Amino acid sequence: MHRSAALSDDDRTLAPIDFEVTEFDAARRALEEPPAGVLEVQRLARGYWETRRRPLRPTDRAIASETIEWLVKLPSALQPLALAEKYPRVANTIAAIWSDCNSAIELLDSLLKDRRGGRLGFSYDVEVELRALRGFLEEMRFARFMKR
């Protein structure tokens, strides 16, 4: 028996195609974004982060008077002297938000964890100081919580 090459009526019936309802602006943004992995490769390229940082200010190279006051108020064992000497800009930033415990913890977490990939990190002495500051803030936050 020979079958005909023609399709029967049953074969011509197509199943409906499922579509996802999408807003036009969301679809446009998705098309404008680079394919997965492209940004990661760019971030690893030499010099990428230097182009993304804000320009240095004169105050970034020196300890601000507010930072000196903050350092003096800290217990002597906790004073991040290596941080202040090697990275005054970072010390100034921490000192500026120190009174907001949650923001300071978030900042310290962002400094201690490489979320961008390819970061060199801090020297051991500075990292130890940053971790000590974070631990101190956690203790302060816990003490405040327990007073409630």
Protein backbone atom coordinates (compact mmCIF):
# COMPACT_ATOMS: atom_id res chain seq x y z
CA MET A 1 0.00 0.00 0.00
CA HIS A 2 1.14 3.43 -0.93
CA ARG A 3 0.43 6.40 1.35
CA SER A 4 -0.25 9.75 -0.10
CA ALA A 5 2.19 12.56 0.62
CA ALA A 6 -0.73 14.90 1.17
CA LEU A 7 -1.56 15.81 4.77
CA SER A 8 -4.86 14.77 6.19
CA ASP A 9 -7.11 17.28 7.94
CA ASP A 10 -5.97 15.88 11.31
CA ASP A 11 -2.31 16.53 10.49
CA ARG A 12 -2.99 20.16 9.51
CA THR A 13 -4.46 21.05 12.87
CA LEU A 14 -1.76 22.90 14.79
CA ALA A 15 -1.59 23.23 18.52
CA PRO A 16 -1.78 26.78 19.83
CA ILE A 17 1.51 28.51 20.49
CA ASP A 18 1.99 29.77 24.04
CA PHE A 19 3.17 33.35 24.31
CA GLU A 20 4.37 35.23 27.35
CA VAL A 21 2.70 38.60 27.79
CA THR A 22 5.47 41.17 27.95
CA GLU A 23 5.48 44.92 28.19
CA PHE A 24 7.09 46.66 25.25
CA ASP A 25 9.57 48.60 27.41
CA ALA A 26 10.68 45.43 29.19
CA ALA A 27 11.27 43.69 25.86
CA ARG A 28 13.27 46.67 24.59
CA ARG A 29 15.45 46.71 27.73
CA ALA A 30 16.10 42.99 27.32
CA LEU A 31 17.29 43.56 23.76
CA GLU A 32 19.54 46.43 24.80
CA GLU A 33 21.30 44.38 27.48
CA PRO A 34 24.44 42.58 26.39
CA PRO A 35 24.32 38.78 26.25
CA ALA A 36 25.10 36.83 29.40
CA GLY A 37 28.80 36.74 30.20
CA VAL A 38 29.81 39.84 28.24
CA LEU A 39 29.83 42.13 31.28
CA GLU A 40 31.82 39.61 33.31
CA VAL A 41 34.48 39.48 30.61
CA GLN A 42 34.60 43.29 30.41
CA ARG A 43 34.97 43.56 34.19
CA LEU A 44 38.00 41.30 34.08
CA ALA A 45 39.72 43.39 31.44
CA ARG A 46 42.72 45.38 32.67
CA GLY A 47 41.80 48.97 33.47
CA TYR A 48 38.01 48.47 33.42
CA TRP A 49 37.37 49.52 37.02
CA GLU A 50 39.63 52.55 36.76
CA THR A 51 37.24 53.93 34.14
CA ARG A 52 34.21 53.25 36.36
CA ARG A 53 35.46 54.95 39.54
CA ARG A 54 34.83 58.57 40.29
CA PRO A 55 37.88 60.82 39.93
CA LEU A 56 40.06 61.16 43.02
CA ARG A 57 39.57 64.23 45.16
CA PRO A 58 42.29 65.86 47.26
CA THR A 59 40.48 64.65 50.39
CA ASP A 60 40.75 61.05 49.17
CA ARG A 61 44.49 61.09 49.80
CA ALA A 62 44.33 62.40 53.36
CA ILE A 63 42.52 61.54 56.55
CA ALA A 64 39.67 63.94 57.25
CA SER A 65 39.42 65.57 60.67
CA GLU A 66 36.13 63.72 61.26
CA THR A 67 37.95 60.46 60.60
CA ILE A 68 40.65 61.33 63.13
CA GLU A 69 37.94 62.00 65.72
CA TRP A 70 36.31 58.65 64.87
CA LEU A 71 39.64 56.83 65.21
CA VAL A 72 40.32 58.38 68.61
CA LYS A 73 36.87 57.39 69.92
CA LEU A 74 37.38 53.74 68.97
CA PRO A 75 38.99 51.36 71.46
CA SER A 76 42.75 51.42 70.79
CA ALA A 77 42.81 47.71 69.85
CA LEU A 78 40.13 48.38 67.23
CA GLN A 79 41.61 51.48 65.59
CA PRO A 80 42.23 50.68 61.90
CA LEU A 81 45.59 52.45 61.60
CA ALA A 82 46.84 50.41 58.62
CA LEU A 83 43.57 51.16 56.79
CA ALA A 84 43.87 54.87 57.55
CA GLU A 85 47.46 54.94 56.35
CA LYS A 86 47.07 52.86 53.19
CA TYR A 87 43.47 53.71 52.20
CA PRO A 88 42.46 57.08 53.66
CA ARG A 89 39.55 57.34 51.22
CA VAL A 90 38.06 54.11 52.57
CA ALA A 91 38.67 55.14 56.20
CA ASN A 92 36.94 58.49 55.54
CA THR A 93 33.95 56.70 54.03
CA ILE A 94 33.62 54.28 56.95
CA ALA A 95 33.94 57.09 59.49
CA ALA A 96 31.27 59.14 57.71
CA ILE A 97 28.63 56.42 58.03
CA TRP A 98 29.79 54.76 61.25
CA SER A 99 26.84 56.05 63.28
CA ASP A 100 24.44 54.16 60.97
CA CYS A 101 25.25 50.63 62.07
CA ASN A 102 23.41 48.84 59.25
CA SER A 103 24.92 51.00 56.51
CA ALA A 104 28.39 50.60 57.98
CA ILE A 105 28.00 46.81 58.07
CA GLU A 106 26.82 46.82 54.45
CA LEU A 107 29.83 48.93 53.44
CA LEU A 108 32.26 46.64 55.27
CA ASP A 109 30.63 43.59 53.66
CA SER A 110 31.03 45.16 50.22
CA LEU A 111 34.70 45.83 50.96
CA LEU A 112 35.36 42.32 52.23
CA LYS A 113 33.46 40.34 49.58
CA ASP A 114 34.41 40.33 45.91
CA ARG A 115 31.09 40.60 44.09
CA ARG A 116 32.64 41.96 40.90
CA GLY A 117 35.29 39.34 40.26
CA GLY A 118 38.97 39.97 39.69
CA ARG A 119 39.55 42.25 42.67
CA LEU A 120 42.93 42.01 44.35
CA GLY A 121 41.57 42.69 47.82
CA PHE A 122 43.25 44.36 50.75
CA SER A 123 46.51 43.46 52.41
CA TYR A 124 46.20 41.05 55.32
CA ASP A 125 46.61 43.71 58.01
CA VAL A 126 43.88 45.90 56.51
CA GLU A 127 41.53 42.96 56.03
CA VAL A 128 41.98 41.97 59.69
CA GLU A 129 41.09 45.53 60.73
CA LEU A 130 38.01 45.61 58.50
CA ARG A 131 36.80 42.28 59.90
CA ALA A 132 37.36 43.53 63.46
CA LEU A 133 35.34 46.69 62.74
CA ARG A 134 32.54 44.59 61.28
CA GLY A 135 32.54 42.29 64.31
CA PHE A 136 32.41 45.30 66.63
CA LEU A 137 29.42 46.71 64.74
CA GLU A 138 27.64 43.35 64.95
CA GLU A 139 28.17 43.34 68.72
CA MET A 140 26.83 46.91 68.98
CA ARG A 141 23.79 46.03 66.89
CA PHE A 142 23.12 42.95 69.02
CA ALA A 143 23.49 44.95 72.24
CA ARG A 144 21.00 47.56 70.96
CA PHE A 145 18.60 44.78 70.00
CA MET A 146 18.83 43.21 73.45
CA LYS A 147 18.06 46.55 75.16
CA ARG A 148 14.67 46.74 73.44
